[in-house]
Amino acid sequence: MSDRKRLLILIGTMTGVALVVTCIAILILYRAAYAEQKARLVETCHSQARLLESIARYARDRDPERWRTITLNQIVDAHARYEGFGQTGEFTLARRDSAQIVFLLSHRHYDLDNPKPVPFDRTAGRAAVPMRRALLGQSGTVVGPDYRGVSVLAAHEPVALLDWGIVAKIDLAEIRAPFIRAGGIAGVIALLLASLGAWFALQLGTPVLQHLEESAARNQAVVETASEGIITTDAEGTIKSFNRAAEQIFGYDRDAVIGRPVSLLVPAAAATGAAERALPWQGGEAVGRRRDGSTLPLHVAVSDTTVHGQRIYTSLVRDITDQQRAEDALERARDELEERVIERTEELESFTYSMSHDLRTPLRAIDGFSQMLLDEYAEDLDAEGQRLLNVVYESAQRMGRLIDDLLELSRLGHREMRRQSISMKRLAYETFDAVQQDRPHQRAQLRLHDLPRAEGDRTMVRRVFEHLVANAFKFTQHQRNAVVEIGTYQENGSTAYFVRDNGTGFDMDYADKLFGVFERLHDPNEFEGTGVGLAIVERIVRRHGGRVWAEGAVGEGATFYFTLPS
C-alpha cells in the first residue's frame, strides 16, 4: 500500500474517531439534559400534587359539601393563566369516570377548551399512558404516549385525597431536537474535515506522514512517562499494551502480560462473560492483584473506541492505597470528634442542670428572707436601706427566672419528643391570650392569619410561641398602638411561620447574636429578660428539624421566622 493511501486511511480514521467522540459528548449532554428534565418534571409534579391536596384540605375544612368543586374551580382559574413550559410542556389533571379518563383542565395542543375523554382500559388504546398510571395510584416517570398519542417524557403522581391524577409532561421530540441538530452539524463538520484532510494529503504527501509519525512517537512518550498506569484491551479482554507505570503498580513486566487475559490483573473479570472481560471494572473503583498475589485498591477511568472494526478499551489505572488510608484516618478522626462533641455537650448540659438546681436552695433563702424583712422590718429601715433590700429581692427574682430558663434549656437535650399534628392557629391564639393576661397593664392588637397545621411536640412548640410573643410584648411596651402579627409565608417550598411586632427592632449587623445564650442587644434596665429565651426557641426548632432566623431594623420592629415539618 502506498504512502498516499495510508495517509488517506489515517485521515479517515481520525475523522471517524472525532465523530464518535463528538457523538458520545452529544449523547452525554442529551442524557444529562434528559435526566435534568426528568428530575424537574418529578419535582414539579410532586409539588403540584401536594399543593392540590393542601388546597383540597383547606376547602374541605371550609365547605365539606362543595369542597371538590371549590378546589377544581381554583385550579382551573390558576391553570387559565399558566402558559406551560417550553414549547410543548404542560400539566394535565384528570379523574377516572368508570371506563374513561376525564380531563379536568384545558389542553395546550388541541381540544383546548373541551378536552375529550379517553378510554381507561389500556387494551382500548395506547393514549394517556402517564395519566392512566397516576389514576392507578402509581407515582414516578414514564416515556409513552399522552392524550394525543404523541411520545412524551412524563412525571405522574396520584392526588389521593381527591382520587385524581396529575401529570407534568413534555414531548420527547422537544428534548431531542437540539441534540439532533448538533449531531447533524457535527456530522457535516466531520465530512468537511475529511474532505479537507484528503485535499491536504494529496498536496503535502510524505511530509505529513513524517509529521504524524513524529506525533505518534510523542504520544507514545507521553504514555510511557505518565504517572498513571495505561492498559489497553480488546473486546475479548486480552491485554494489548501495558505502560511503565502499570508495570510498577502490578509488578509485571509488559512482556509477561501482553496477550494474556485482563483477569490476571483484576480477578473479578474471571467470573464474567466475554463481553464483560474487556471492561471488568466498568470505571470507578476496583480491586487489583499484584504479581506476588497481594491485592490493592484501584481507581480506574475507562474509555473505548473502534479501530478497523475492533473494539479497543483504554484504562487509566491509579493505585489509591495511600488515599484510602488517609480517608479511613480522616473518617476515624471525624467519628472521634463527633463523639467528643456529644460527650462535651452532655457534660455541659448536665453541669448546667446541676448548677441551676443547686442554686435554687440558697436563692429561695435570699428571696424569702428579703421578703420577710420587707414585710416585717421595713419600718425599722431608712429609705436607703429599703432601696437596697428591694434591690436584693428583685435581683433574687431575676436570678430565679434565669435559673428556670437555664433548667429549661438543659432539659431540651434530654426530653423525649411526642410528635403529633398541631393546630398552629389555635396554639398561637391561646399563647397570645395567655401572655396578654400575664401583662394586664399592656394591651396589644393581634393580627392572626390562617396557619397550616404542623407536625411536632405541642408543648415545645407552645414554648416557641410563648417566648416569641412575650418578646414582641416586651419590645412594644413603649408603643401607643402595639401590634403583634402571626402568619406564614412560603420559602423554597416549605412553610415558614413568623411573629412580627412594631416595636423597638434591632440592628441587623448583630442578628447572628440573637439566639446565643445570654446575648442581649438592648439595655437590661430598659427591657427585662434573661437572655435565654431565644436560645430556647432555637434549640426547640432545631430539634424539630427546622431553622429559625430574624429580620428587623432599629425603630421599625422585628420579625422572627421558624420552620417545622408540615
Protein backbone atom coordinates (compact mmCIF):
# COMPACT_ATOMS: atom_id res chain seq x y z
CA MET A 1 0.00 0.00 0.00
CA SER A 2 1.36 3.42 -0.98
CA ASP A 3 2.10 6.18 1.49
CA ARG A 4 -0.68 8.30 0.00
CA LYS A 5 -3.28 5.62 0.63
CA ARG A 6 -2.02 5.13 4.17
CA LEU A 7 -2.36 8.86 4.77
CA LEU A 8 -5.89 8.91 3.41
CA ILE A 9 -6.83 5.94 5.59
CA LEU A 10 -5.29 7.67 8.60
CA ILE A 11 -7.23 10.86 7.94
CA GLY A 12 -10.45 8.92 7.52
CA THR A 13 -9.82 7.07 10.79
CA MET A 14 -9.11 10.28 12.69
CA THR A 15 -12.28 11.85 11.31
CA GLY A 16 -14.28 8.82 12.39
CA VAL A 17 -12.79 8.94 15.87
CA ALA A 18 -13.58 12.66 16.14
CA LEU A 19 -17.14 11.98 15.04
CA VAL A 20 -17.52 9.19 17.57
CA VAL A 21 -16.18 11.36 20.38
CA THR A 22 -18.48 14.19 19.33
CA CYS A 23 -21.46 11.85 19.25
CA ILE A 24 -20.55 10.50 22.69
CA ALA A 25 -20.31 14.06 24.02
CA ILE A 26 -23.67 14.90 22.47
CA LEU A 27 -25.15 11.71 23.91
CA ILE A 28 -23.76 12.52 27.36
CA LEU A 29 -25.19 16.03 27.13
CA TYR A 30 -28.52 14.60 25.96
CA ARG A 31 -28.63 12.16 28.85
CA ALA A 32 -27.77 14.95 31.27
CA ALA A 33 -30.48 17.17 29.79
CA TYR A 34 -32.91 14.24 29.85
CA ALA A 35 -32.10 13.48 33.49
CA GLU A 36 -32.40 17.15 34.42
CA GLN A 37 -35.75 17.48 32.63
CA LYS A 38 -36.94 14.27 34.28
CA ALA A 39 -35.95 15.50 37.74
CA ARG A 40 -37.61 18.85 37.08
CA LEU A 41 -40.84 17.15 36.00
CA VAL A 42 -40.83 14.88 39.06
CA GLU A 43 -40.22 17.77 41.44
CA THR A 44 -42.85 19.96 39.75
CA CYS A 45 -45.45 17.19 39.59
CA HIS A 46 -44.87 16.18 43.21
CA SER A 47 -45.10 19.76 44.47
CA GLN A 48 -48.26 20.42 42.43
CA ALA A 49 -49.87 17.24 43.80
CA ARG A 50 -49.08 18.28 47.37
CA LEU A 51 -50.39 21.78 46.61
CA LEU A 52 -53.64 20.31 45.28
CA GLU A 53 -54.05 18.24 48.44
CA SER A 54 -53.36 21.32 50.61
CA ILE A 55 -55.98 23.34 48.68
CA ALA A 56 -58.43 20.45 48.96
CA ARG A 57 -57.92 20.08 52.71
CA TYR A 58 -58.45 23.77 53.20
CA ALA A 59 -61.60 23.72 51.03
CA ARG A 60 -62.91 20.63 52.84
CA ASP A 61 -62.46 22.34 56.20
CA ARG A 62 -64.31 25.43 54.93
CA ASP A 63 -67.10 23.75 52.95
CA PRO A 64 -67.43 19.96 53.49
CA GLU A 65 -70.17 19.67 50.84
CA ARG A 66 -68.73 21.61 47.88
CA TRP A 67 -65.05 21.28 48.62
CA ARG A 68 -64.26 19.26 45.49
CA THR A 69 -65.95 21.82 43.23
CA ILE A 70 -64.25 24.71 45.01
CA THR A 71 -60.86 23.03 44.66
CA LEU A 72 -61.39 22.35 40.95
CA ASN A 73 -62.53 25.93 40.31
CA GLN A 74 -59.42 27.33 41.95
CA ILE A 75 -57.16 25.03 39.93
CA VAL A 76 -58.98 25.86 36.66
CA ASP A 77 -58.64 29.59 37.33
CA ALA A 78 -54.93 29.24 38.04
CA HIS A 79 -54.40 26.99 35.01
CA ALA A 80 -56.06 29.52 32.71
CA ARG A 81 -53.23 31.95 33.47
CA TYR A 82 -50.49 29.32 33.09
CA GLU A 83 -48.80 29.14 29.68
CA GLY A 84 -46.97 25.87 30.24
CA PHE A 85 -43.23 25.31 29.98
CA GLY A 86 -41.12 25.00 26.88
CA GLN A 87 -42.86 24.68 23.54
CA THR A 88 -44.84 21.53 24.36
CA GLY A 89 -44.73 21.14 28.16
CA GLU A 90 -47.97 21.22 30.16
CA PHE A 91 -49.80 19.91 33.21
CA THR A 92 -52.83 17.64 32.86
CA LEU A 93 -55.29 16.82 35.64
CA ALA A 94 -57.88 14.06 35.33
CA ARG A 95 -60.16 11.72 37.17
CA ARG A 96 -61.45 8.28 36.37
CA ASP A 97 -65.11 8.08 35.40
CA SER A 98 -65.99 4.41 35.04
CA ALA A 99 -64.13 3.25 31.92
CA GLN A 100 -62.92 6.67 30.85
CA ILE A 101 -60.24 9.17 31.78
CA VAL A 102 -61.92 12.56 32.09
CA PHE A 103 -59.56 15.53 31.84
CA LEU A 104 -60.34 18.44 34.17
CA LEU A 105 -58.12 21.14 32.65
CA SER A 106 -57.90 22.58 29.16
CA HIS A 107 -55.22 21.11 26.89
CA ARG A 108 -52.41 23.09 25.38
CA HIS A 109 -52.34 21.41 21.99
CA TYR A 110 -55.86 20.61 20.80
CA ASP A 111 -59.37 20.16 22.23
CA LEU A 112 -58.27 23.24 24.11
CA ASP A 113 -61.44 24.23 25.96
CA ASN A 114 -63.31 20.93 25.85
CA PRO A 115 -60.80 18.07 26.17
CA LYS A 116 -62.24 14.74 25.12
CA PRO A 117 -62.06 11.77 27.48
CA VAL A 118 -60.01 8.74 26.53
CA PRO A 119 -60.62 5.06 27.40
CA PHE A 120 -59.13 3.96 30.70
CA ASP A 121 -58.74 0.35 29.56
CA ARG A 122 -55.24 0.05 28.08
CA THR A 123 -56.49 -2.54 25.57
CA ALA A 124 -58.78 0.10 24.04
CA GLY A 125 -55.89 2.32 23.04
CA ARG A 126 -52.43 3.50 23.99
CA ALA A 127 -53.33 7.12 24.67
CA ALA A 128 -52.74 8.85 28.03
CA VAL A 129 -50.37 6.23 29.48
CA PRO A 130 -48.94 8.59 32.14
CA MET A 131 -52.39 9.65 33.36
CA ARG A 132 -53.56 6.04 33.47
CA ARG A 133 -50.67 5.21 35.81
CA ALA A 134 -51.41 8.22 38.02
CA LEU A 135 -55.08 7.18 38.35
CA LEU A 136 -53.91 3.67 39.29
CA GLY A 137 -52.12 5.23 42.27
CA GLN A 138 -48.64 4.97 40.78
CA SER A 139 -46.04 7.70 41.25
CA GLY A 140 -42.97 8.08 39.05
CA THR A 141 -41.94 8.78 35.46
CA VAL A 142 -42.67 7.10 32.15
CA VAL A 143 -41.98 7.54 28.46
CA GLY A 144 -45.13 6.87 26.49
CA PRO A 145 -47.99 8.40 24.51
CA ASP A 146 -50.06 11.20 26.01
CA TYR A 147 -53.70 12.02 25.24
CA ARG A 148 -52.66 12.87 21.64
CA GLY A 149 -50.76 9.62 21.18
CA VAL A 150 -47.50 11.60 21.00
CA SER A 151 -44.47 10.15 22.79
CA VAL A 152 -43.65 12.24 25.87
CA LEU A 153 -41.48 12.19 28.96
CA ALA A 154 -43.88 12.50 31.87
CA ALA A 155 -43.94 12.53 35.66
CA HIS A 156 -47.18 11.22 37.15
CA GLU A 157 -48.50 11.45 40.68
CA PRO A 158 -51.80 10.42 42.29
CA VAL A 159 -53.75 13.04 44.26
CA ALA A 160 -55.08 10.56 46.81
CA LEU A 161 -57.34 12.95 48.68
CA LEU A 162 -59.33 13.75 45.50
CA ASP A 163 -58.91 10.42 43.62
CA TRP A 164 -57.38 12.44 40.78
CA GLY A 165 -54.17 12.11 38.87
CA ILE A 166 -51.73 14.83 37.82
CA VAL A 167 -49.15 14.62 35.03
CA ALA A 168 -46.34 17.01 34.09
CA LYS A 169 -45.06 16.18 30.60
CA ILE A 170 -43.04 17.40 27.64
CA ASP A 171 -42.64 15.97 24.15
CA LEU A 172 -39.57 13.80 23.65
CA ALA A 173 -39.10 15.46 20.29
CA GLU A 174 -38.57 18.83 22.01
CA ILE A 175 -35.87 17.35 24.28
CA ARG A 176 -34.10 15.62 21.42
CA ALA A 177 -34.34 18.38 18.81
CA PRO A 178 -31.25 20.45 19.78
CA PHE A 179 -29.09 17.35 20.09
CA ILE A 180 -30.25 16.01 16.71
CA ARG A 181 -29.34 19.37 15.18
CA ALA A 182 -25.98 19.31 16.95
CA GLY A 183 -25.35 15.78 15.69
CA GLY A 184 -26.15 16.85 12.13
CA ILE A 185 -23.83 19.83 12.39
CA ALA A 186 -21.12 17.63 13.87
CA GLY A 187 -21.55 15.17 11.02
CA VAL A 188 -21.29 17.91 8.41
CA ILE A 189 -18.20 19.31 10.10
CA ALA A 190 -16.65 15.84 10.22
CA LEU A 191 -17.30 15.35 6.47
CA LEU A 192 -15.80 18.74 5.72
CA LEU A 193 -12.75 17.89 7.79
CA ALA A 194 -12.40 14.59 5.95
CA SER A 195 -12.58 16.36 2.58
CA LEU A 196 -10.06 18.98 3.62
CA GLY A 197 -7.80 16.30 5.05
CA ALA A 198 -7.87 14.37 1.79
CA TRP A 199 -7.06 17.50 -0.16
CA PHE A 200 -4.15 18.37 2.10
CA ALA A 201 -2.94 14.76 1.89
CA LEU A 202 -2.79 14.98 -1.86
CA GLN A 203 -0.93 18.29 -1.62
CA LEU A 204 1.52 17.51 1.16
CA GLY A 205 2.14 13.79 0.77
CA THR A 206 5.07 12.32 2.56
CA PRO A 207 5.95 15.30 4.85
CA VAL A 208 2.58 14.91 6.54
CA LEU A 209 3.25 11.24 7.15
CA GLN A 210 6.53 12.09 8.74
CA HIS A 211 4.85 14.65 10.96
CA LEU A 212 2.24 12.07 12.02
CA GLU A 213 4.94 9.55 12.81
CA GLU A 214 6.69 12.12 14.97
CA SER A 215 3.39 12.91 16.67
CA ALA A 216 2.75 9.21 17.32
CA ALA A 217 6.22 8.94 18.83
CA ARG A 218 5.50 11.88 21.11
CA ASN A 219 2.18 10.32 22.18
CA GLN A 220 3.96 7.08 22.97
CA ALA A 221 6.45 9.02 25.05
CA VAL A 222 3.58 10.61 26.98
CA VAL A 223 2.08 7.17 27.64
CA GLU A 224 5.40 5.81 28.85
CA THR A 225 6.12 8.78 31.13
CA ALA A 226 2.58 9.05 32.53
CA SER A 227 2.30 8.66 36.31
CA GLU A 228 -0.86 6.55 35.93
CA GLY A 229 -0.99 3.06 34.53
CA ILE A 230 -2.37 2.87 30.99
CA ILE A 231 -3.68 -0.50 29.82
CA THR A 232 -5.48 -1.32 26.58
CA THR A 233 -7.53 -4.46 25.95
CA ASP A 234 -9.56 -5.84 23.07
CA ALA A 235 -13.18 -6.98 23.09
CA GLU A 236 -12.18 -10.39 24.50
CA GLY A 237 -10.32 -8.90 27.43
CA THR A 238 -6.86 -9.63 26.09
CA ILE A 239 -4.19 -7.15 27.15
CA LYS A 240 -2.72 -5.31 24.16
CA SER A 241 -0.50 -2.66 25.79
CA PHE A 242 0.95 -2.03 29.22
CA ASN A 243 2.90 1.12 30.07
CA ARG A 244 5.74 1.63 32.53
CA ALA A 245 3.53 2.98 35.35
CA ALA A 246 1.33 -0.14 35.06
CA GLU A 247 4.45 -2.29 35.47
CA GLN A 248 5.22 -0.50 38.73
CA ILE A 249 1.64 -0.82 40.01
CA PHE A 250 1.19 -4.55 39.33
CA GLY A 251 4.84 -5.78 39.46
CA TYR A 252 4.69 -7.40 36.00
CA ASP A 253 6.91 -6.73 33.01
CA ARG A 254 4.86 -5.82 29.95
CA ASP A 255 6.11 -8.87 28.05
CA ALA A 256 4.66 -11.06 30.81
CA VAL A 257 1.12 -9.69 30.49
CA ILE A 258 0.61 -8.66 26.86
CA GLY A 259 -1.54 -11.29 25.17
CA ARG A 260 -2.90 -12.62 28.50
CA PRO A 261 -6.41 -12.06 29.88
CA VAL A 262 -7.09 -8.98 31.98
CA SER A 263 -8.38 -11.24 34.79
CA LEU A 264 -4.68 -11.74 35.60
CA LEU A 265 -4.75 -8.18 36.98
CA VAL A 266 -8.42 -7.96 38.02
CA PRO A 267 -9.70 -11.27 39.44
CA ALA A 268 -13.34 -10.19 39.10
CA ALA A 269 -13.01 -10.47 35.33
CA ALA A 270 -12.66 -14.27 35.51
CA ALA A 271 -16.32 -14.65 36.56
CA THR A 272 -17.73 -12.55 33.70
CA GLY A 273 -18.63 -13.33 30.12
CA ALA A 274 -16.58 -12.50 27.05
CA ALA A 275 -18.30 -9.14 26.53
CA GLU A 276 -17.54 -8.05 30.10
CA ARG A 277 -13.99 -9.34 30.34
CA ALA A 278 -12.76 -6.38 28.35
CA LEU A 279 -14.26 -3.97 30.87
CA PRO A 280 -14.32 -5.76 34.25
CA TRP A 281 -14.15 -2.65 36.42
CA GLN A 282 -16.67 -0.51 34.50
CA GLY A 283 -14.88 2.61 35.69
CA GLY A 284 -14.70 3.82 39.30
CA GLU A 285 -13.01 1.66 41.92
CA ALA A 286 -11.82 -1.93 41.59
CA VAL A 287 -9.64 -4.48 43.38
CA GLY A 288 -6.42 -5.40 41.59
CA ARG A 289 -3.93 -8.21 42.14
CA ARG A 290 -0.15 -7.82 42.05
CA ARG A 291 2.33 -10.38 40.78
CA ASP A 292 3.07 -11.52 44.35
CA GLY A 293 -0.64 -12.29 44.90
CA SER A 294 -1.40 -9.32 47.16
CA THR A 295 -4.40 -7.13 46.39
CA LEU A 296 -4.64 -3.36 46.13
CA PRO A 297 -7.43 -0.80 45.64
CA LEU A 298 -7.51 0.91 42.25
CA HIS A 299 -9.25 3.87 40.70
CA VAL A 300 -9.93 3.25 37.03
CA ALA A 301 -11.15 5.53 34.23
CA VAL A 302 -12.15 3.64 31.05
CA SER A 303 -12.79 4.81 27.50
CA ASP A 304 -13.43 2.75 24.41
CA THR A 305 -13.18 3.19 20.66
CA THR A 306 -13.41 1.13 17.48
CA VAL A 307 -10.40 0.78 15.19
CA HIS A 308 -10.79 -1.17 11.95
CA GLY A 309 -13.94 -2.79 13.30
CA GLN A 310 -12.31 -3.89 16.56
CA ARG A 311 -13.30 -2.58 19.98
CA ILE A 312 -10.38 -1.23 21.98
CA TYR A 313 -10.61 -0.28 25.67
CA THR A 314 -8.14 2.12 27.26
CA SER A 315 -7.96 2.22 31.04
CA LEU A 316 -6.18 4.77 33.24
CA VAL A 317 -5.26 2.96 36.47
CA ARG A 318 -4.16 4.60 39.72
CA ASP A 319 -3.16 2.92 43.00
CA ILE A 320 -5.28 4.57 45.73
CA THR A 321 -3.89 2.66 48.72
CA ASP A 322 -2.49 5.81 50.34
CA GLN A 323 -5.65 7.74 49.54
CA GLN A 324 -7.86 5.11 51.19
CA ARG A 325 -5.64 5.05 54.26
CA ALA A 326 -5.91 8.83 54.53
CA GLU A 327 -9.68 8.69 54.05
CA ASP A 328 -10.01 5.98 56.72
CA ALA A 329 -7.89 8.01 59.13
CA LEU A 330 -9.96 11.11 58.39
CA GLU A 331 -13.21 9.16 58.95
CA ARG A 332 -11.93 7.82 62.27
CA ALA A 333 -10.87 11.30 63.33
CA ARG A 334 -14.26 12.69 62.34
CA ASP A 335 -16.09 9.98 64.31
CA GLU A 336 -13.89 10.61 67.36
CA LEU A 337 -14.52 14.34 67.10
CA GLU A 338 -18.28 13.82 66.89
CA GLU A 339 -18.18 11.54 69.93
CA ARG A 340 -16.17 14.13 71.86
CA VAL A 341 -18.58 16.90 70.89
CA ILE A 342 -21.52 14.76 72.05
CA GLU A 343 -19.75 13.93 75.31
CA ARG A 344 -18.81 17.58 75.96
CA THR A 345 -22.36 18.72 75.14
CA GLU A 346 -23.87 16.17 77.52
CA GLU A 347 -21.37 17.15 80.22
CA LEU A 348 -22.15 20.84 79.73
CA GLU A 349 -25.90 20.25 79.85
CA SER A 350 -25.51 18.08 82.97
CA PHE A 351 -23.34 20.73 84.61
CA THR A 352 -25.84 23.47 83.75
CA TYR A 353 -28.70 21.42 85.16
CA SER A 354 -26.81 20.57 88.36
CA MET A 355 -25.56 24.10 88.87
CA SER A 356 -29.01 25.62 88.29
CA HIS A 357 -30.65 23.05 90.57
CA ASP A 358 -28.10 23.55 93.39
CA LEU A 359 -28.51 27.34 93.27
CA ARG A 360 -32.22 27.14 93.93
CA THR A 361 -31.94 26.43 97.71
CA PRO A 362 -29.78 29.44 98.67
CA LEU A 363 -31.72 31.60 96.23
CA ARG A 364 -35.02 30.67 97.87
CA ALA A 365 -33.50 31.65 101.23
CA ILE A 366 -32.36 35.03 99.91
CA ASP A 367 -35.73 35.63 98.26
CA GLY A 368 -37.74 34.53 101.30
CA PHE A 369 -35.75 36.38 103.92
CA SER A 370 -35.69 39.53 101.81
CA GLN A 371 -39.48 39.39 101.54
CA MET A 372 -39.77 38.81 105.31
CA LEU A 373 -37.55 41.81 106.03
CA LEU A 374 -39.62 43.98 103.69
CA ASP A 375 -42.89 42.80 105.25
CA GLU A 376 -41.93 42.87 108.95
CA TYR A 377 -38.98 45.24 109.42
CA ALA A 378 -39.40 47.82 106.67
CA GLU A 379 -40.34 50.50 109.25
CA ASP A 380 -37.02 49.95 111.07
CA LEU A 381 -35.02 50.75 107.90
CA ASP A 382 -34.38 54.14 106.39
CA ALA A 383 -35.14 54.86 102.73
CA GLU A 384 -31.70 53.79 101.54
CA GLY A 385 -31.92 50.51 103.48
CA GLN A 386 -35.32 49.76 101.97
CA ARG A 387 -33.99 50.56 98.49
CA LEU A 388 -31.03 48.24 98.93
CA LEU A 389 -33.25 45.48 100.29
CA ASN A 390 -35.57 45.87 97.29
CA VAL A 391 -32.53 45.56 95.00
CA VAL A 392 -31.61 42.28 96.74
CA TYR A 393 -35.18 40.98 96.41
CA GLU A 394 -35.56 41.95 92.72
CA SER A 395 -32.11 40.52 91.93
CA ALA A 396 -33.12 37.24 93.57
CA GLN A 397 -36.30 37.23 91.46
CA ARG A 398 -34.30 37.80 88.24
CA MET A 399 -31.84 35.10 89.27
CA GLY A 400 -34.74 32.71 89.82
CA ARG A 401 -36.10 33.40 86.34
CA LEU A 402 -32.63 32.92 84.86
CA ILE A 403 -32.24 29.56 86.64
CA ASP A 404 -35.66 28.46 85.38
CA ASP A 405 -34.66 29.34 81.81
CA LEU A 406 -31.30 27.55 82.14
CA LEU A 407 -33.03 24.44 83.50
CA GLU A 408 -35.47 24.51 80.61
CA LEU A 409 -32.62 24.92 78.12
CA SER A 410 -30.69 21.99 79.61
CA ARG A 411 -33.76 19.71 79.69
CA LEU A 412 -34.42 20.25 75.98
CA GLY A 413 -31.50 17.99 75.10
CA HIS A 414 -32.91 15.07 77.11
CA ARG A 415 -36.66 15.40 76.87
CA GLU A 416 -38.40 12.85 74.66
CA MET A 417 -40.40 14.44 71.85
CA ARG A 418 -44.05 13.45 71.45
CA ARG A 419 -44.84 14.26 67.86
CA GLN A 420 -48.42 14.97 66.85
CA SER A 421 -50.38 17.08 64.40
CA ILE A 422 -50.67 20.62 65.79
CA SER A 423 -53.30 23.25 65.02
CA MET A 424 -50.88 26.17 64.82
CA LYS A 425 -53.60 28.82 64.60
CA ARG A 426 -55.30 27.68 67.80
CA LEU A 427 -51.97 27.31 69.59
CA ALA A 428 -50.87 30.81 68.54
CA TYR A 429 -54.14 32.34 69.73
CA GLU A 430 -54.03 30.52 73.09
CA THR A 431 -50.43 31.62 73.63
CA PHE A 432 -51.15 35.25 72.78
CA ASP A 433 -54.14 35.26 75.15
CA ALA A 434 -52.03 33.79 77.98
CA VAL A 435 -49.23 36.33 77.50
CA GLN A 436 -51.80 39.17 77.37
CA GLN A 437 -53.29 38.02 80.71
CA ASP A 438 -49.82 37.98 82.29
CA ARG A 439 -49.41 41.62 81.23
CA PRO A 440 -52.71 43.31 82.21
CA HIS A 441 -51.02 46.72 82.18
CA GLN A 442 -50.16 46.40 78.47
CA ARG A 443 -52.52 45.90 75.53
CA ALA A 444 -51.59 44.83 72.01
CA GLN A 445 -53.60 44.18 68.86
CA LEU A 446 -53.33 40.63 67.45
CA ARG A 447 -53.32 40.09 63.69
CA LEU A 448 -53.62 36.32 63.31
CA HIS A 449 -53.50 34.80 59.81
CA ASP A 450 -54.66 31.32 58.82
CA LEU A 451 -51.83 28.97 59.82
CA PRO A 452 -51.37 25.48 58.32
CA ARG A 453 -51.02 22.56 60.68
CA ALA A 454 -47.57 21.33 61.62
CA GLU A 455 -46.01 18.16 63.00
CA GLY A 456 -44.16 18.31 66.32
CA ASP A 457 -44.22 18.25 70.11
CA ARG A 458 -47.12 20.53 71.06
CA THR A 459 -45.66 21.56 74.42
CA MET A 460 -42.33 22.51 72.88
CA VAL A 461 -43.94 24.42 70.01
CA ARG A 462 -46.12 26.28 72.52
CA ARG A 463 -42.92 27.38 74.29
CA VAL A 464 -41.66 28.73 70.96
CA PHE A 465 -44.79 30.87 70.59
CA GLU A 466 -44.66 31.91 74.26
CA HIS A 467 -41.09 33.20 74.02
CA LEU A 468 -41.64 34.95 70.66
CA VAL A 469 -44.97 36.55 71.65
CA ALA A 470 -43.58 37.60 75.07
CA ASN A 471 -40.60 39.06 73.22
CA ALA A 472 -42.99 41.05 70.99
CA PHE A 473 -44.89 42.36 74.03
CA LYS A 474 -41.64 43.33 75.76
CA PHE A 475 -40.30 45.41 72.89
CA THR A 476 -43.64 47.11 72.09
CA GLN A 477 -44.32 48.27 75.66
CA HIS A 478 -43.45 51.85 74.72
CA GLN A 479 -45.67 51.84 71.61
CA ARG A 480 -49.05 53.59 71.86
CA ASN A 481 -50.63 51.21 69.32
CA ALA A 482 -48.75 47.93 69.74
CA VAL A 483 -49.40 45.28 67.06
CA VAL A 484 -48.38 41.62 67.12
CA GLU A 485 -48.82 39.76 63.80
CA ILE A 486 -48.60 35.96 63.45
CA GLY A 487 -48.66 34.38 59.99
CA THR A 488 -46.80 32.29 57.41
CA TYR A 489 -45.12 32.53 54.05
CA GLN A 490 -43.66 30.02 51.63
CA GLU A 491 -39.87 29.68 51.42
CA ASN A 492 -38.35 27.21 48.93
CA GLY A 493 -41.47 25.05 49.01
CA SER A 494 -41.70 24.90 52.83
CA THR A 495 -43.87 26.87 55.24
CA ALA A 496 -42.21 29.46 57.48
CA TYR A 497 -44.17 30.77 60.48
CA PHE A 498 -43.46 34.27 61.74
CA VAL A 499 -44.17 36.54 64.72
CA ARG A 500 -43.88 40.24 63.85
CA ASP A 501 -44.10 43.35 66.02
CA ASN A 502 -43.87 47.11 65.51
CA GLY A 503 -41.61 47.68 68.49
CA THR A 504 -38.05 48.79 69.10
CA GLY A 505 -36.46 46.49 66.48
CA PHE A 506 -32.73 45.75 66.27
CA ASP A 507 -29.64 46.32 64.13
CA MET A 508 -29.24 43.51 61.55
CA ASP A 509 -25.46 43.71 61.97
CA TYR A 510 -25.97 41.88 65.28
CA ALA A 511 -28.61 39.40 64.09
CA ASP A 512 -26.20 36.47 64.47
CA LYS A 513 -26.09 37.08 68.24
CA LEU A 514 -29.84 36.92 68.82
CA PHE A 515 -30.07 33.20 69.51
CA GLY A 516 -26.99 32.84 71.71
CA VAL A 517 -27.26 32.22 75.44
CA PHE A 518 -27.02 35.47 77.48
CA GLU A 519 -26.78 37.53 74.28
CA ARG A 520 -28.75 40.78 74.61
CA LEU A 521 -28.92 43.67 72.13
CA HIS A 522 -30.74 46.11 74.46
CA ASP A 523 -30.14 47.63 77.90
CA PRO A 524 -31.44 45.19 80.59
CA ASN A 525 -32.55 48.20 82.67
CA GLU A 526 -34.92 49.21 79.86
CA PHE A 527 -36.17 45.77 78.77
CA GLU A 528 -36.36 42.91 81.26
CA GLY A 529 -35.22 39.40 80.34
CA THR A 530 -32.62 36.71 80.99
CA GLY A 531 -31.04 36.41 77.53
CA VAL A 532 -32.01 32.71 77.32
CA GLY A 533 -35.49 32.80 75.74
CA LEU A 534 -34.41 33.00 72.10
CA ALA A 535 -31.76 30.33 72.72
CA ILE A 536 -34.59 28.04 73.90
CA VAL A 537 -36.55 28.87 70.73
CA GLU A 538 -33.55 27.98 68.55
CA ARG A 539 -32.94 24.71 70.40
CA ILE A 540 -36.61 23.60 70.11
CA VAL A 541 -36.86 24.44 66.40
CA ARG A 542 -33.55 22.69 65.66
CA ARG A 543 -34.72 19.54 67.48
CA HIS A 544 -37.76 19.50 65.20
CA GLY A 545 -35.53 19.61 62.12
CA GLY A 546 -36.37 23.24 61.29
CA ARG A 547 -34.49 26.51 61.42
CA VAL A 548 -35.09 29.95 62.95
CA TRP A 549 -33.94 33.41 61.90
CA ALA A 550 -34.89 37.06 62.38
CA GLU A 551 -35.15 40.31 60.46
CA GLY A 552 -35.52 43.81 61.82
CA ALA A 553 -34.50 47.45 61.80
CA VAL A 554 -33.96 49.90 64.62
CA GLY A 555 -37.25 51.68 65.41
CA GLU A 556 -39.19 49.66 62.80
CA GLY A 557 -39.96 46.43 64.65
CA ALA A 558 -38.72 42.86 64.28
CA THR A 559 -39.89 39.62 62.66
CA PHE A 560 -38.89 36.15 63.90
CA TYR A 561 -39.29 33.20 61.49
CA PHE A 562 -39.18 29.45 62.10
CA THR A 563 -39.95 26.33 60.07
CA LEU A 564 -41.43 23.00 61.17
CA PRO A 565 -42.24 19.75 59.33
CA SER A 566 -45.68 20.06 57.72
